[in-house]
Amino acid sequence: MDQPTTLENLEFAQSMLTEIRRRTSASGEPFLTYLIDIAAAEAQKRAHDVRSQDCSGKTMPGLETSRGD
């Protein structure tokens, strides 16, 4: 079985964080919801950066893609 790529991992993290955010918000935890929002936004930004890197072929600092090859 192939290893997930960096992009797949980031998209998965964002999806899970979005669900956790929904639950913490519904539980009335504003500060925890805020922190999870920040983490979800970072995952979204990093996924965007990976997509941009894949399209341009350039390496961006701090981003290492794992292709599972």
C-alpha atoms as a PDB file:
ATOM      1  CA  MET A   1       0.000   0.000   0.000  1.00  0.00           C
ATOM      2  CA  ASP A   2       1.289   3.451  -0.893  1.00  0.00           C
ATOM      3  CA  GLN A   3       2.203   5.986   1.766  1.00  0.00           C
ATOM      4  CA  PRO A   4      -0.023   9.079   1.803  1.00  0.00           C
ATOM      5  CA  THR A   5       1.505  12.171   0.258  1.00  0.00           C
ATOM      6  CA  THR A   6       2.167  15.347   2.193  1.00  0.00           C
ATOM      7  CA  LEU A   7      -0.825  16.930   0.465  1.00  0.00           C
ATOM      8  CA  GLU A   8      -3.108  14.052   1.435  1.00  0.00           C
ATOM      9  CA  ASN A   9      -1.932  14.270   5.040  1.00  0.00           C
ATOM     10  CA  LEU A  10      -2.531  18.017   5.165  1.00  0.00           C
ATOM     11  CA  GLU A  11      -5.992  17.674   3.644  1.00  0.00           C
ATOM     12  CA  PHE A  12      -6.822  14.934   6.154  1.00  0.00           C
ATOM     13  CA  ALA A  13      -5.584  17.085   9.047  1.00  0.00           C
ATOM     14  CA  GLN A  14      -7.676  20.021   7.873  1.00  0.00           C
ATOM     15  CA  SER A  15     -10.754  17.805   7.597  1.00  0.00           C
ATOM     16  CA  MET A  16     -10.300  16.416  11.100  1.00  0.00           C
ATOM     17  CA  LEU A  17      -9.594  19.851  12.565  1.00  0.00           C
ATOM     18  CA  THR A  18     -12.754  21.212  10.947  1.00  0.00           C
ATOM     19  CA  GLU A  19     -14.819  18.484  12.619  1.00  0.00           C
ATOM     20  CA  ILE A  20     -13.108  19.025  15.978  1.00  0.00           C
ATOM     21  CA  ARG A  21     -13.714  22.768  15.628  1.00  0.00           C
ATOM     22  CA  ARG A  22     -17.422  22.139  15.038  1.00  0.00           C
ATOM     23  CA  ARG A  23     -17.617  20.035  18.184  1.00  0.00           C
ATOM     24  CA  THR A  24     -15.666  22.412  20.422  1.00  0.00           C
ATOM     25  CA  SER A  25     -17.760  25.326  19.195  1.00  0.00           C
ATOM     26  CA  ALA A  26     -20.981  23.407  19.921  1.00  0.00           C
ATOM     27  CA  SER A  27     -19.615  22.615  23.397  1.00  0.00           C
ATOM     28  CA  GLY A  28     -19.108  26.299  24.158  1.00  0.00           C
ATOM     29  CA  GLU A  29     -15.309  26.270  24.203  1.00  0.00           C
ATOM     30  CA  PRO A  30     -14.383  29.556  22.469  1.00  0.00           C
ATOM     31  CA  PHE A  31     -10.649  29.593  23.219  1.00  0.00           C
ATOM     32  CA  LEU A  32     -10.132  25.972  22.211  1.00  0.00           C
ATOM     33  CA  THR A  33     -12.216  26.617  19.081  1.00  0.00           C
ATOM     34  CA  TYR A  34      -9.975  29.585  18.274  1.00  0.00           C
ATOM     35  CA  LEU A  35      -6.803  27.500  18.641  1.00  0.00           C
ATOM     36  CA  ILE A  36      -8.227  24.772  16.417  1.00  0.00           C
ATOM     37  CA  ASP A  37      -9.210  27.432  13.857  1.00  0.00           C
ATOM     38  CA  ILE A  38      -5.580  28.558  13.765  1.00  0.00           C
ATOM     39  CA  ALA A  39      -4.361  24.982  13.251  1.00  0.00           C
ATOM     40  CA  ALA A  40      -6.945  24.354  10.502  1.00  0.00           C
ATOM     41  CA  ALA A  41      -5.967  27.584   8.740  1.00  0.00           C
ATOM     42  CA  GLU A  42      -2.304  26.566   8.875  1.00  0.00           C
ATOM     43  CA  ALA A  43      -3.100  23.132   7.416  1.00  0.00           C
ATOM     44  CA  GLN A  44      -5.090  24.806   4.634  1.00  0.00           C
ATOM     45  CA  LYS A  45      -2.251  27.238   3.885  1.00  0.00           C
ATOM     46  CA  ARG A  46       0.345  24.463   3.842  1.00  0.00           C
ATOM     47  CA  ALA A  47      -1.828  22.361   1.501  1.00  0.00           C
ATOM     48  CA  HIS A  48      -2.155  25.366  -0.816  1.00  0.00           C
ATOM     49  CA  ASP A  49       1.629  25.815  -0.730  1.00  0.00           C
ATOM     50  CA  VAL A  50       2.176  22.138  -1.596  1.00  0.00           C
ATOM     51  CA  ARG A  51      -0.270  22.394  -4.516  1.00  0.00           C
ATOM     52  CA  SER A  52       1.544  25.516  -5.744  1.00  0.00           C
ATOM     53  CA  GLN A  53       4.889  23.760  -5.403  1.00  0.00           C
ATOM     54  CA  ASP A  54       3.623  20.773  -7.384  1.00  0.00           C
ATOM     55  CA  CYS A  55       2.408  23.053 -10.185  1.00  0.00           C
ATOM     56  CA  SER A  56       5.561  25.158 -10.388  1.00  0.00           C
ATOM     57  CA  GLY A  57       8.091  22.434  -9.649  1.00  0.00           C
ATOM     58  CA  LYS A  58       9.851  24.741  -7.194  1.00  0.00           C
ATOM     59  CA  THR A  59      10.856  23.723  -3.697  1.00  0.00           C
ATOM     60  CA  MET A  60       9.459  25.887  -0.933  1.00  0.00           C
ATOM     61  CA  PRO A  61      11.250  26.197   2.418  1.00  0.00           C
ATOM     62  CA  GLY A  62       9.874  23.873   5.070  1.00  0.00           C
ATOM     63  CA  LEU A  63       7.904  21.756   2.621  1.00  0.00           C
ATOM     64  CA  GLU A  64       9.037  18.262   1.826  1.00  0.00           C
ATOM     65  CA  THR A  65       6.687  16.144  -0.230  1.00  0.00           C
ATOM     66  CA  SER A  66       6.550  12.421   0.330  1.00  0.00           C
ATOM     67  CA  ARG A  67       5.410  10.595  -2.776  1.00  0.00           C
ATOM     68  CA  GLY A  68       5.472   7.113  -1.282  1.00  0.00           C
ATOM     69  CA  ASP A  69       7.547   5.814  -4.200  1.00  0.00           C
END
